[in-house]
């Protein structure tokens, strides 16, 4: 499996490519002769970055959406418009919930910015997933991830409207991708709203291994409490991954902490970052 970060908040410098960055996340995956896009960023900038990577949306075999937030799904319409074909899109049944972020006493809509029906009219063939599913040989989509740690409590500023009330959003649609290398788990995450340790432990359980090889993607440690940050780093150190490639919602301060904790095993997974797990 080879992955390339197609969208992130940041771009490496210097770089020979004029990549665009935005508050969003997307990973291009090549595995089992398939080309998969995991999340789409928040805008049509994903088309620009894919073109620099030599990828036409028509080349994509499928799309996976980690969860229903705009910064992971907003580029979907542009992908569909340029793909000009029906394309399977794997996501959780809760991805289209009406979602908001609360800041300074105001609510801001952060859900998928297009209706399910409109996206289907543009060629989206939605495949709703709740339980772990092998989407291509050797690559598994987690489905709903059990919340078992006592310190990964989610983000209280993220809410949904339900029965006329505003309640905390548990983001039960948060999903990860799993595969195995050298008997070790590789976990690809969007924002890790389920908790990065919950994601890892569930992957180890369902893929029947006790070894973590790599974690790649958003960790949501940026907005996390000090307790969650420290406990996560402690448990990650105990897991002894060969690669910790973090980006997006990890935040600069926690990127620094992870670099200090993991040294050369840490990768700042900005736009254009490539990891070929055949050679890792």
Protein backbone atom coordinates (compact mmCIF):
# COMPACT_ATOMS: atom_id res chain seq x y z
CA UNK A 1 0.00 0.00 0.00
CA UNK A 2 1.16 3.49 -0.88
CA UNK A 3 -0.46 6.64 0.47
CA UNK A 4 -0.10 10.30 -0.43
CA UNK A 5 -1.54 13.18 1.58
CA UNK A 6 -3.72 14.96 -0.97
CA UNK A 7 -5.03 17.65 1.39
CA UNK A 8 -4.07 19.01 4.78
CA UNK A 9 -3.90 22.30 6.65
CA UNK A 10 -0.22 22.69 5.69
CA UNK A 11 2.19 22.19 2.79
CA UNK A 12 5.85 21.20 3.16
CA UNK A 13 8.37 23.87 2.12
CA UNK A 14 10.28 23.92 -0.08
CA UNK A 15 8.38 21.85 -2.62
CA UNK A 16 8.55 21.78 -6.43
CA UNK A 17 4.74 21.64 -6.59
CA UNK A 18 2.25 24.46 -6.05
CA UNK A 19 0.02 22.43 -3.75
CA UNK A 20 -2.89 24.14 -2.04
CA UNK A 21 -3.59 23.75 1.68
CA UNK A 22 -6.81 24.30 3.60
CA UNK A 23 -8.39 23.24 6.86
CA UNK A 24 -9.21 19.77 5.62
CA UNK A 25 -7.89 16.27 5.09
CA UNK A 26 -7.63 13.77 2.25
CA UNK A 27 -5.43 10.73 1.64
CA UNK A 28 -4.87 9.08 -1.74
CA UNK A 29 -4.42 5.32 -1.38
CA UNK A 30 -3.05 2.85 -3.91
CA UNK A 31 -3.69 -0.74 -2.85
CA UNK A 32 -4.62 -4.00 -4.60
CA UNK A 33 -4.64 -2.28 -8.02
CA UNK A 34 -7.27 0.14 -6.69
CA UNK A 35 -7.11 3.91 -6.32
CA UNK A 36 -9.05 5.14 -3.30
CA UNK A 37 -9.62 8.64 -1.96
CA UNK A 38 -10.06 8.75 1.82
CA UNK A 39 -11.88 12.04 2.52
CA UNK A 40 -12.00 14.97 0.11
CA UNK A 41 -10.92 18.10 1.97
CA UNK A 42 -13.36 21.01 2.18
CA UNK A 43 -13.30 22.54 -1.32
CA UNK A 44 -12.47 22.12 -5.00
CA UNK A 45 -8.80 22.61 -4.10
CA UNK A 46 -8.63 18.81 -3.92
CA UNK A 47 -8.92 18.75 -7.73
CA UNK A 48 -5.87 21.00 -8.03
CA UNK A 49 -3.77 18.83 -5.71
CA UNK A 50 -4.84 15.58 -7.34
CA UNK A 51 -3.86 16.98 -10.74
CA UNK A 52 -0.36 17.73 -9.42
CA UNK A 53 -0.22 14.12 -8.22
CA UNK A 54 -1.13 12.95 -11.72
CA UNK A 55 -4.61 11.77 -10.74
CA UNK A 56 -7.82 12.48 -12.62
CA UNK A 57 -10.99 11.91 -10.55
CA UNK A 58 -12.06 9.54 -13.33
CA UNK A 59 -9.20 7.29 -12.20
CA UNK A 60 -10.68 6.80 -8.73
CA UNK A 61 -12.23 3.42 -7.99
CA UNK A 62 -13.96 4.48 -4.78
CA UNK A 63 -14.17 7.14 -2.09
CA UNK A 64 -14.28 6.60 1.67
CA UNK A 65 -15.58 9.29 4.03
CA UNK A 66 -14.31 9.08 7.58
CA UNK A 67 -17.21 11.11 9.01
CA UNK A 68 -19.71 13.79 8.11
CA UNK A 69 -17.84 17.07 8.62
CA UNK A 70 -17.38 19.70 5.91
CA UNK A 71 -13.57 19.67 6.06
CA UNK A 72 -13.57 16.00 5.07
CA UNK A 73 -16.50 16.01 2.64
CA UNK A 74 -16.71 19.49 1.09
CA UNK A 75 -14.58 18.53 -1.91
CA UNK A 76 -16.85 15.62 -2.78
CA UNK A 77 -19.05 17.56 -5.20
CA UNK A 78 -16.04 18.67 -7.26
CA UNK A 79 -14.71 15.12 -7.32
CA UNK A 80 -18.05 13.81 -8.60
CA UNK A 81 -18.36 16.60 -11.15
CA UNK A 82 -14.93 15.80 -12.58
CA UNK A 83 -15.23 12.02 -12.28
CA UNK A 84 -18.20 12.06 -14.67
CA UNK A 85 -19.15 8.54 -13.62
CA UNK A 86 -21.02 6.77 -10.85
CA UNK A 87 -18.58 6.02 -8.05
CA UNK A 88 -19.05 4.02 -4.82
CA UNK A 89 -18.73 6.13 -1.68
CA UNK A 90 -18.39 4.32 1.63
CA UNK A 91 -19.64 6.16 4.72
CA UNK A 92 -21.56 5.64 7.94
CA UNK A 93 -25.35 6.01 8.10
CA UNK A 94 -25.00 8.93 10.54
CA UNK A 95 -22.76 10.97 8.22
CA UNK A 96 -25.61 13.24 7.06
CA UNK A 97 -26.65 14.39 10.56
CA UNK A 98 -27.24 18.14 11.03
CA UNK A 99 -23.99 19.17 12.73
CA UNK A 100 -22.67 22.34 14.35
CA UNK A 101 -19.67 23.72 16.20
CA UNK A 102 -20.23 26.10 19.11
CA UNK A 103 -17.82 29.01 19.55
CA UNK A 104 -18.26 32.31 21.40
CA UNK A 105 -21.90 31.43 22.03
CA UNK A 106 -22.69 30.96 18.34
CA UNK A 107 -23.38 27.82 16.32
CA UNK A 108 -21.72 27.22 12.97
CA UNK A 109 -22.86 24.52 10.58
CA UNK A 110 -20.08 21.96 10.01
CA UNK A 111 -21.93 19.04 8.45
CA UNK A 112 -21.75 17.74 4.88
CA UNK A 113 -22.51 20.86 2.80
CA UNK A 114 -24.64 19.05 0.20
CA UNK A 115 -27.74 16.91 0.48
CA UNK A 116 -27.60 13.17 -0.03
CA UNK A 117 -30.04 13.45 -2.92
CA UNK A 118 -28.04 16.11 -4.74
CA UNK A 119 -24.80 14.15 -4.42
CA UNK A 120 -26.57 11.05 -5.72
CA UNK A 121 -27.77 13.05 -8.73
CA UNK A 122 -24.10 13.85 -9.43
CA UNK A 123 -23.09 10.19 -9.41
CA UNK A 124 -22.61 9.29 -5.77
CA UNK A 125 -23.39 5.64 -5.08
CA UNK A 126 -23.52 5.64 -1.30
CA UNK A 127 -22.64 2.46 0.55
CA UNK A 128 -23.54 2.79 4.23
CA UNK A 129 -21.31 0.93 6.67
CA UNK A 130 -21.85 0.22 10.39
CA UNK A 131 -19.65 -2.83 10.97
CA UNK A 132 -16.16 -3.64 9.82
CA UNK A 133 -16.03 -4.27 6.08
CA UNK A 134 -13.24 -5.41 3.75
CA UNK A 135 -13.61 -2.89 0.90
CA UNK A 136 -10.69 -4.28 -1.14
CA UNK A 137 -8.55 -7.32 -0.36
CA UNK A 138 -6.58 -6.58 2.79
CA UNK A 139 -8.07 -3.11 3.43
CA UNK A 140 -10.82 -2.82 6.03
CA UNK A 141 -13.21 0.00 6.90
CA UNK A 142 -13.82 -0.01 10.63
CA UNK A 143 -17.50 0.80 10.89
CA UNK A 144 -18.52 2.23 14.26
CA UNK A 145 -15.63 2.20 16.73
CA UNK A 146 -16.34 1.26 20.38
CA UNK A 147 -15.54 4.00 22.89
CA UNK A 148 -13.77 2.20 25.72
CA UNK A 149 -10.99 4.41 27.12
CA UNK A 150 -11.94 6.56 30.08
CA UNK A 151 -10.09 9.67 28.87
CA UNK A 152 -11.14 9.98 25.19
CA UNK A 153 -14.35 11.88 25.86
CA UNK A 154 -14.96 13.68 22.59
CA UNK A 155 -15.30 17.38 21.86
CA UNK A 156 -18.07 19.16 23.80
CA UNK A 157 -18.06 22.05 21.30
CA UNK A 158 -19.38 19.76 18.54
CA UNK A 159 -23.16 19.36 18.68
CA UNK A 160 -26.19 18.13 16.77
CA UNK A 161 -29.83 19.22 16.69
CA UNK A 162 -32.16 16.46 17.84
CA UNK A 163 -35.84 16.69 18.81
CA UNK A 164 -35.55 20.47 19.07
CA UNK A 165 -32.61 20.25 21.46
CA UNK A 166 -28.91 20.93 21.04
CA UNK A 167 -26.89 18.00 22.37
CA UNK A 168 -23.26 16.90 22.27
CA UNK A 169 -22.44 15.03 19.08
CA UNK A 170 -20.87 11.62 19.84
CA UNK A 171 -19.79 11.41 16.16
CA UNK A 172 -20.52 7.71 16.06
CA UNK A 173 -19.91 7.78 12.31
CA UNK A 174 -16.18 8.36 12.84
CA UNK A 175 -14.42 5.52 10.99
CA UNK A 176 -10.86 4.46 10.20
CA UNK A 177 -9.19 2.29 7.58
CA UNK A 178 -7.09 -0.71 8.67
CA UNK A 179 -4.56 -2.96 7.02
CA UNK A 180 -1.68 -5.19 8.13
CA UNK A 181 2.06 -4.99 7.43
CA UNK A 182 4.54 -7.45 8.92
CA UNK A 183 1.79 -8.58 11.32
CA UNK A 184 1.42 -4.99 12.49
CA UNK A 185 -1.65 -2.77 12.25
CA UNK A 186 -1.70 0.29 10.00
CA UNK A 187 -4.56 2.66 10.90
CA UNK A 188 -5.59 5.59 8.70
CA UNK A 189 -7.76 8.19 10.41
CA UNK A 190 -9.76 11.24 9.42
CA UNK A 191 -10.11 13.21 12.66
CA UNK A 192 -10.07 10.35 15.18
CA UNK A 193 -13.16 11.66 16.96
CA UNK A 194 -13.57 8.15 18.40
CA UNK A 195 -10.20 8.61 20.11
CA UNK A 196 -6.91 7.55 18.58
CA UNK A 197 -6.34 4.86 21.22
CA UNK A 198 -9.87 3.50 20.81
CA UNK A 199 -9.23 3.34 17.06
CA UNK A 200 -5.94 1.49 17.52
CA UNK A 201 -7.29 -0.99 20.07
CA UNK A 202 -10.32 -1.81 17.96
CA UNK A 203 -8.11 -2.34 14.90
CA UNK A 204 -5.81 -4.65 16.85
CA UNK A 205 -8.83 -6.63 18.02
CA UNK A 206 -10.67 -7.05 14.72
CA UNK A 207 -7.54 -7.74 12.66
CA UNK A 208 -6.27 -10.13 15.35
CA UNK A 209 -2.82 -8.73 15.99
CA UNK A 210 -1.10 -7.28 19.05
CA UNK A 211 1.37 -5.08 17.15
CA UNK A 212 0.93 -1.51 15.91
CA UNK A 213 2.99 -0.60 12.85
CA UNK A 214 1.68 2.87 11.92
CA UNK A 215 -0.94 5.51 12.56
CA UNK A 216 -1.57 8.09 9.83
CA UNK A 217 -3.95 11.06 9.77
CA UNK A 218 -5.77 13.41 12.10
CA UNK A 219 -5.68 12.75 15.84
CA UNK A 220 -7.96 15.52 17.21
CA UNK A 221 -5.41 16.08 19.94
CA UNK A 222 -5.34 19.82 19.18
CA UNK A 223 -8.69 20.51 20.92
CA UNK A 224 -8.28 17.69 23.46
CA UNK A 225 -7.93 18.16 27.20
CA UNK A 226 -4.47 18.02 28.83
CA UNK A 227 -5.45 14.67 30.40
CA UNK A 228 -6.38 13.18 27.03
CA UNK A 229 -3.21 14.48 25.43
CA UNK A 230 -0.90 13.02 28.07
CA UNK A 231 -2.72 9.70 28.32
CA UNK A 232 -2.75 9.33 24.53
CA UNK A 233 0.97 9.95 24.20
CA UNK A 234 1.68 7.52 27.04
CA UNK A 235 -0.43 4.78 25.45
CA UNK A 236 1.05 5.47 22.01
CA UNK A 237 4.57 5.12 23.41
CA UNK A 238 3.58 1.80 24.99
CA UNK A 239 2.31 0.62 21.57
CA UNK A 240 5.74 1.26 19.98
CA UNK A 241 4.61 2.16 16.43
CA UNK A 242 7.25 2.36 13.70
CA UNK A 243 5.49 5.39 12.17
CA UNK A 244 3.38 8.18 13.65
CA UNK A 245 2.29 10.41 10.75
CA UNK A 246 0.00 13.10 12.13
CA UNK A 247 -1.72 16.09 10.56
CA UNK A 248 -4.88 18.23 10.34
CA UNK A 249 -6.59 18.44 13.76
CA UNK A 250 -3.46 17.37 15.67
CA UNK A 251 -2.38 21.00 16.08
CA UNK A 252 1.13 22.45 16.05
CA UNK A 253 1.77 22.08 19.77
CA UNK A 254 0.84 18.40 19.71
CA UNK A 255 2.78 17.83 16.48
CA UNK A 256 5.79 19.13 18.42
CA UNK A 257 5.03 16.84 21.37
CA UNK A 258 4.72 13.85 19.07
CA UNK A 259 8.00 14.72 17.37
CA UNK A 260 9.72 14.99 20.76
CA UNK A 261 8.17 11.68 21.86
CA UNK A 262 8.79 9.60 18.72
CA UNK A 263 11.82 11.24 17.12
CA UNK A 264 12.56 9.88 13.65
CA UNK A 265 9.42 7.73 13.82
CA UNK A 266 7.32 10.90 13.57
CA UNK A 267 6.23 12.33 10.19
CA UNK A 268 4.52 15.69 9.71
CA UNK A 269 1.96 14.45 7.21
CA UNK A 270 1.44 17.65 5.24
CA UNK A 271 0.19 17.87 1.64
CA UNK A 272 2.39 15.84 -0.71
CA UNK A 273 3.75 13.49 1.96
CA UNK A 274 4.20 9.99 0.54
CA UNK A 275 4.54 6.77 2.51
CA UNK A 276 5.14 3.56 0.58
CA UNK A 277 4.46 0.80 3.09
CA UNK A 278 6.12 -1.74 0.79
CA UNK A 279 9.42 -0.03 1.61
CA UNK A 280 8.67 1.25 5.12
